[in-house]
Amino acid sequence: MTDRRAIMGLPIASIAVGPRIGFYNPEHAARLGASIAAEGQHDPIHVKRNGNAAKLPWTLVAGLHRMRGAALAGLTTIDAIQVAEAGATELTLRKLELSENLDHSERRPIERAILMIERARLEEANDHPGHVGEPSQVRAARARWDASITMMDASGWRDRAAAAMGCSVPTLERYTRVYRHIVEGLPDLAEALNFHPLGESLSAMMRLASLNETARRTAAETILSRPDWGSMDQVLAAAGLAESKGSRIDADKLGNVMVNTWAKMPISARQAHVEWLVDNITPSMANDMVVGFKKRGLLP
């Protein structure tokens, strides 16, 4: 650590960027860059001084969107605050990055879950080094044989993590479920879900996280098939995972109606509906169709 030192006009090209916590949104970066170019920079980035052997003299600690945005706006320098010396540990740097990023109110639930879980892991590592993520049953069994583990240790790190993030332990647990079932459970879709309009709603993401594995993926793909869903009720009804409010739908009868109607439609009408179908099917449905087309010899 070091005393915080302001650095005006630090060359962007002199700042290395390592692994980050959370997502990078080019559109958000561009908006910040345009604001910096028009109004000046109000919020400095945070950097660490590197050792003499490093390729670049500085490493970014926090403020990737501001730095990338400034570069996109054509700026070559940026105001910064040095928050760490070359000898700072990875643990210290992660705490510094999380400390700033968790203060940003625009963080959406999925990305906030990532940041909160990272902070919780740091606190857990303080109490249980080498045992982060250990199941409670295993920890309880180990505690019976390890005099260094107390009952307070079992929950103390959660209390500290929640306090550091300005929330309650139950709120931390809610974000933990979002992390486990969306970030870890849907790693290929989590970033896109975070930036989708429904991704702004914690209740919507909690509802998605509550679904079983198969239904969760189907619902997530349905969310991403359109940008204008009004609610999770609409998503679940469209995905065939719940009834529409105000009406009871018999899926088998509805399917028969669709098949019979399709058979009676002229080719021109079918073509129009095929174009509509392309805009509304989920990726997994499209994959199934490709497999079927190949079996029929319609695709190589």
Protein backbone atom coordinates (compact mmCIF):
# COMPACT_ATOMS: atom_id res chain seq x y z
CA MET A 1 0.00 0.00 0.00
CA THR A 2 0.98 3.61 -0.39
CA ASP A 3 -0.36 7.03 0.44
CA ARG A 4 -2.83 7.98 -2.27
CA ARG A 5 -1.10 10.25 -4.76
CA ALA A 6 -2.83 12.14 -7.57
CA ILE A 7 -1.23 11.92 -11.01
CA MET A 8 -2.49 14.37 -13.60
CA GLY A 9 -2.25 13.50 -17.29
CA LEU A 10 -0.90 9.96 -16.98
CA PRO A 11 -0.24 8.53 -20.50
CA ILE A 12 -2.81 5.81 -21.21
CA ALA A 13 -0.22 3.88 -23.20
CA SER A 14 1.87 3.50 -20.02
CA ILE A 15 -0.86 1.59 -18.15
CA ALA A 16 -1.06 -2.21 -18.27
CA VAL A 17 -4.43 -3.96 -17.90
CA GLY A 18 -4.52 -7.36 -16.22
CA PRO A 19 -7.41 -9.73 -15.42
CA ARG A 20 -10.52 -7.85 -14.31
CA ILE A 21 -13.47 -8.67 -12.07
CA GLY A 22 -16.80 -8.25 -13.86
CA PHE A 23 -17.72 -7.41 -17.46
CA TYR A 24 -16.51 -4.85 -19.96
CA ASN A 25 -19.24 -2.92 -21.81
CA PRO A 26 -17.91 -1.03 -24.87
CA GLU A 27 -21.06 1.11 -25.07
CA HIS A 28 -20.70 2.22 -21.46
CA ALA A 29 -17.03 2.98 -22.06
CA ALA A 30 -17.88 5.06 -25.13
CA ARG A 31 -20.47 7.07 -23.14
CA LEU A 32 -17.95 7.77 -20.40
CA GLY A 33 -15.30 8.74 -22.95
CA ALA A 34 -17.65 11.18 -24.66
CA SER A 35 -18.49 12.73 -21.27
CA ILE A 36 -14.81 13.04 -20.32
CA ALA A 37 -13.99 14.65 -23.66
CA ALA A 38 -16.88 17.13 -23.36
CA GLU A 39 -16.89 17.96 -19.64
CA GLY A 40 -13.53 16.82 -18.33
CA GLN A 41 -12.71 13.92 -16.03
CA HIS A 42 -14.39 14.00 -12.64
CA ASP A 43 -13.40 10.57 -11.32
CA PRO A 44 -9.73 9.51 -11.58
CA ILE A 45 -8.78 5.91 -12.33
CA HIS A 46 -6.74 3.96 -9.76
CA VAL A 47 -3.30 2.59 -10.61
CA LYS A 48 -0.39 0.69 -9.09
CA ARG A 49 3.26 1.54 -9.66
CA ASN A 50 5.12 -1.37 -11.29
CA GLY A 51 8.63 -2.58 -10.61
CA ASN A 52 11.59 -1.81 -12.86
CA ALA A 53 11.32 -5.18 -14.65
CA ALA A 54 7.76 -4.58 -15.84
CA LYS A 55 7.09 -3.73 -19.50
CA LEU A 56 4.92 -0.76 -18.51
CA PRO A 57 5.40 1.50 -15.48
CA TRP A 58 1.79 1.33 -14.29
CA THR A 59 -0.97 -1.26 -13.84
CA LEU A 60 -4.67 -0.43 -13.71
CA VAL A 61 -6.37 -1.24 -10.40
CA ALA A 62 -9.84 0.21 -11.11
CA GLY A 63 -11.44 2.33 -13.81
CA LEU A 64 -11.26 0.25 -17.00
CA HIS A 65 -14.35 1.82 -18.57
CA ARG A 66 -13.05 5.33 -17.93
CA MET A 67 -9.63 4.51 -19.35
CA ARG A 68 -10.94 2.69 -22.42
CA GLY A 69 -13.56 5.39 -22.93
CA ALA A 70 -10.96 8.14 -22.87
CA ALA A 71 -8.92 6.24 -25.48
CA LEU A 72 -12.01 5.76 -27.66
CA ALA A 73 -12.62 9.53 -27.46
CA GLY A 74 -9.11 10.14 -28.82
CA LEU A 75 -7.52 11.16 -25.52
CA THR A 76 -3.96 10.02 -24.83
CA THR A 77 -3.74 10.87 -21.12
CA ILE A 78 -5.97 10.38 -18.10
CA ASP A 79 -5.99 11.56 -14.49
CA ALA A 80 -5.20 8.86 -11.96
CA ILE A 81 -4.59 8.14 -8.30
CA GLN A 82 -1.75 5.86 -7.30
CA VAL A 83 -3.15 3.52 -4.65
CA ALA A 84 -0.44 0.86 -4.43
CA GLU A 85 3.29 0.33 -4.79
CA ALA A 86 5.05 -2.35 -6.83
CA GLY A 87 5.15 -4.73 -3.87
CA ALA A 88 1.38 -4.80 -3.30
CA THR A 89 -0.05 -8.31 -3.09
CA GLU A 90 -2.74 -9.68 -5.37
CA LEU A 91 -5.04 -9.83 -2.35
CA THR A 92 -4.54 -6.12 -1.70
CA LEU A 93 -5.14 -5.22 -5.35
CA ARG A 94 -8.33 -7.27 -5.52
CA LYS A 95 -9.63 -5.54 -2.39
CA LEU A 96 -8.85 -2.14 -3.89
CA GLU A 97 -10.59 -3.00 -7.17
CA LEU A 98 -13.65 -4.37 -5.39
CA SER A 99 -13.80 -1.41 -3.03
CA GLU A 100 -14.24 1.04 -5.89
CA ASN A 101 -16.38 -1.10 -8.18
CA LEU A 102 -18.92 -1.99 -5.50
CA ASP A 103 -19.52 1.71 -4.91
CA HIS A 104 -20.86 2.17 -8.44
CA SER A 105 -24.65 2.20 -8.29
CA GLU A 106 -25.05 1.33 -11.98
CA ARG A 107 -23.80 -2.21 -11.45
CA ARG A 108 -26.49 -4.65 -12.58
CA PRO A 109 -27.47 -7.66 -10.43
CA ILE A 110 -25.37 -10.28 -12.25
CA GLU A 111 -22.20 -8.18 -12.28
CA ARG A 112 -22.84 -7.02 -8.73
CA ALA A 113 -23.15 -10.69 -7.74
CA ILE A 114 -19.70 -11.33 -9.21
CA LEU A 115 -18.18 -8.45 -7.25
CA MET A 116 -19.95 -9.42 -4.03
CA ILE A 117 -18.88 -13.07 -4.27
CA GLU A 118 -15.29 -12.02 -4.92
CA ARG A 119 -15.35 -9.86 -1.78
CA ALA A 120 -16.95 -12.68 0.22
CA ARG A 121 -14.22 -15.06 -0.94
CA LEU A 122 -11.55 -12.66 0.27
CA GLU A 123 -13.20 -12.50 3.70
CA GLU A 124 -13.66 -16.28 3.80
CA ALA A 125 -9.98 -16.74 2.92
CA ASN A 126 -9.04 -14.70 6.00
CA ASP A 127 -10.88 -17.15 8.28
CA HIS A 128 -10.31 -20.35 6.34
CA PRO A 129 -7.14 -20.08 4.25
CA GLY A 130 -7.00 -22.87 1.69
CA HIS A 131 -10.64 -23.78 2.27
CA VAL A 132 -12.62 -21.15 0.34
CA GLY A 133 -15.94 -22.58 -0.86
CA GLU A 134 -15.75 -25.51 1.52
CA PRO A 135 -19.20 -27.12 2.09
CA SER A 136 -20.64 -26.37 5.52
CA GLN A 137 -20.82 -30.08 6.42
CA VAL A 138 -17.13 -30.55 5.62
CA ARG A 139 -16.22 -27.43 7.55
CA ALA A 140 -18.24 -28.58 10.54
CA ALA A 141 -16.50 -31.95 10.49
CA ARG A 142 -13.08 -30.29 10.23
CA ALA A 143 -13.98 -27.94 13.09
CA ARG A 144 -14.46 -30.93 15.40
CA TRP A 145 -10.81 -31.85 14.88
CA ASP A 146 -9.25 -28.39 14.52
CA ALA A 147 -9.07 -26.33 17.69
CA SER A 148 -8.23 -23.19 15.66
CA ILE A 149 -11.75 -23.08 14.18
CA THR A 150 -14.41 -21.52 16.37
CA MET A 151 -18.16 -21.24 15.91
CA MET A 152 -17.74 -17.51 15.22
CA ASP A 153 -15.37 -18.34 12.33
CA ALA A 154 -18.17 -20.23 10.61
CA SER A 155 -20.23 -17.10 10.00
CA GLY A 156 -17.91 -14.20 10.74
CA TRP A 157 -16.63 -13.85 7.20
CA ARG A 158 -20.21 -13.54 5.87
CA ASP A 159 -20.98 -10.76 8.34
CA ARG A 160 -17.81 -8.89 7.37
CA ALA A 161 -18.44 -9.32 3.65
CA ALA A 162 -22.01 -8.05 3.97
CA ALA A 163 -20.89 -5.09 6.08
CA ALA A 164 -18.18 -4.21 3.55
CA MET A 165 -20.80 -4.14 0.81
CA GLY A 166 -23.41 -2.24 2.79
CA CYS A 167 -25.99 -5.03 2.78
CA SER A 168 -27.41 -7.72 5.04
CA VAL A 169 -26.30 -11.35 5.09
CA PRO A 170 -29.66 -12.44 3.53
CA THR A 171 -29.03 -9.99 0.66
CA LEU A 172 -25.55 -11.46 0.21
CA GLU A 173 -27.14 -14.90 0.05
CA ARG A 174 -29.58 -13.74 -2.63
CA TYR A 175 -26.71 -12.51 -4.78
CA THR A 176 -24.90 -15.78 -4.07
CA ARG A 177 -27.81 -17.66 -5.67
CA VAL A 178 -27.65 -15.38 -8.72
CA TYR A 179 -23.92 -16.09 -8.97
CA ARG A 180 -24.19 -19.86 -8.62
CA HIS A 181 -27.13 -20.39 -10.96
CA ILE A 182 -26.45 -17.73 -13.61
CA VAL A 183 -22.75 -16.81 -13.59
CA GLU A 184 -21.59 -20.36 -12.91
CA GLY A 185 -24.69 -22.15 -14.21
CA LEU A 186 -24.95 -20.26 -17.51
CA PRO A 187 -21.35 -19.14 -18.21
CA ASP A 188 -21.98 -18.71 -21.96
CA LEU A 189 -25.07 -16.50 -21.42
CA ALA A 190 -24.32 -14.60 -18.19
CA GLU A 191 -22.68 -11.56 -19.78
CA ALA A 192 -25.43 -11.13 -22.39
CA LEU A 193 -28.08 -11.51 -19.68
CA ASN A 194 -26.33 -8.86 -17.59
CA PHE A 195 -26.62 -6.29 -20.39
CA HIS A 196 -30.20 -7.25 -21.39
CA PRO A 197 -32.93 -4.82 -20.18
CA LEU A 198 -34.36 -7.54 -17.91
CA GLY A 199 -30.87 -7.89 -16.44
CA GLU A 200 -31.45 -4.59 -14.63
CA SER A 201 -34.01 -6.27 -12.37
CA LEU A 202 -32.78 -8.25 -9.37
CA SER A 203 -36.21 -9.84 -8.96
CA ALA A 204 -36.15 -11.04 -12.58
CA MET A 205 -32.67 -12.52 -12.20
CA MET A 206 -33.64 -14.12 -8.89
CA ARG A 207 -36.63 -15.70 -10.59
CA LEU A 208 -34.40 -16.98 -13.39
CA ALA A 209 -31.95 -18.37 -10.85
CA SER A 210 -34.75 -20.23 -9.05
CA LEU A 211 -35.53 -22.42 -12.09
CA ASN A 212 -34.10 -25.89 -12.53
CA GLU A 213 -31.10 -26.29 -14.85
CA THR A 214 -33.01 -27.15 -18.04
CA ALA A 215 -35.76 -24.57 -17.52
CA ARG A 216 -33.18 -21.92 -16.58
CA ARG A 217 -31.33 -22.29 -19.87
CA THR A 218 -34.57 -22.27 -21.87
CA ALA A 219 -35.77 -19.14 -20.08
CA ALA A 220 -32.38 -17.43 -20.50
CA GLU A 221 -32.34 -18.12 -24.24
CA THR A 222 -35.89 -16.82 -24.47
CA ILE A 223 -34.89 -13.61 -22.69
CA LEU A 224 -32.04 -13.09 -25.15
CA SER A 225 -34.27 -13.73 -28.17
CA ARG A 226 -35.87 -10.28 -27.76
CA PRO A 227 -34.80 -6.99 -26.19
CA ASP A 228 -38.30 -5.82 -25.28
CA TRP A 229 -39.72 -8.34 -22.81
CA GLY A 230 -41.92 -6.57 -20.28
CA SER A 231 -41.58 -9.11 -17.48
CA MET A 232 -40.45 -12.59 -16.53
CA ASP A 233 -44.10 -13.66 -16.68
CA GLN A 234 -44.05 -12.98 -20.42
CA VAL A 235 -40.74 -14.81 -20.80
CA LEU A 236 -41.87 -17.91 -18.94
CA ALA A 237 -45.16 -18.05 -20.83
CA ALA A 238 -43.39 -17.70 -24.19
CA ALA A 239 -40.87 -20.39 -23.19
CA GLY A 240 -43.66 -22.78 -22.25
CA LEU A 241 -42.57 -22.77 -18.62
CA ALA A 242 -45.64 -21.06 -17.12
CA GLU A 243 -49.21 -20.16 -17.97
CA SER A 244 -50.02 -16.69 -19.23
CA LYS A 245 -51.69 -14.57 -16.57
CA GLY A 246 -55.44 -14.39 -16.96
CA SER A 247 -55.79 -17.51 -19.09
CA ARG A 248 -55.10 -21.23 -18.85
CA ILE A 249 -53.30 -22.72 -21.83
CA ASP A 250 -53.43 -26.39 -22.75
CA ALA A 251 -50.08 -26.87 -24.51
CA ASP A 252 -51.16 -30.06 -26.31
CA LYS A 253 -54.34 -28.50 -27.68
CA LEU A 254 -52.49 -25.35 -28.70
CA GLY A 255 -49.88 -27.46 -30.49
CA ASN A 256 -52.57 -29.34 -32.42
CA VAL A 257 -54.16 -26.05 -33.46
CA MET A 258 -50.81 -24.76 -34.72
CA VAL A 259 -50.07 -27.95 -36.71
CA ASN A 260 -53.55 -28.04 -38.29
CA THR A 261 -53.42 -24.34 -39.14
CA TRP A 262 -49.97 -24.72 -40.73
CA ALA A 263 -51.24 -27.58 -42.91
CA LYS A 264 -54.03 -25.40 -44.28
CA MET A 265 -51.85 -22.36 -45.02
CA PRO A 266 -50.65 -21.59 -48.59
CA ILE A 267 -46.91 -21.54 -49.24
CA SER A 268 -46.76 -17.73 -49.29
CA ALA A 269 -48.31 -17.52 -45.81
CA ARG A 270 -45.99 -20.22 -44.49
CA GLN A 271 -43.01 -18.25 -45.82
CA ALA A 272 -44.09 -15.15 -43.95
CA HIS A 273 -44.38 -17.12 -40.74
CA VAL A 274 -40.99 -18.77 -41.28
CA GLU A 275 -39.45 -15.29 -41.26
CA TRP A 276 -41.28 -14.55 -38.00
CA LEU A 277 -40.07 -17.87 -36.57
CA VAL A 278 -36.43 -17.01 -37.30
CA ASP A 279 -36.78 -13.92 -35.11
CA ASN A 280 -38.36 -15.75 -32.19
CA ILE A 281 -36.82 -19.22 -31.77
CA THR A 282 -34.16 -19.79 -29.14
CA PRO A 283 -30.62 -20.95 -30.03
CA SER A 284 -31.31 -24.50 -28.80
CA MET A 285 -34.44 -24.69 -30.99
CA ALA A 286 -32.39 -23.50 -33.96
CA ASN A 287 -29.79 -26.21 -33.30
CA ASP A 288 -32.53 -28.86 -33.21
CA MET A 289 -33.88 -27.58 -36.51
CA VAL A 290 -30.44 -27.73 -38.12
CA VAL A 291 -30.10 -31.36 -37.01
CA GLY A 292 -33.51 -32.13 -38.49
CA PHE A 293 -32.71 -30.37 -41.77
CA LYS A 294 -29.51 -32.38 -42.10
CA LYS A 295 -31.40 -35.64 -41.57
CA ARG A 296 -33.78 -34.64 -44.37
CA GLY A 297 -30.88 -33.77 -46.64
CA LEU A 298 -31.83 -30.07 -46.76
CA LEU A 299 -28.48 -29.01 -45.32
CA PRO A 300 -25.02 -30.47 -45.96
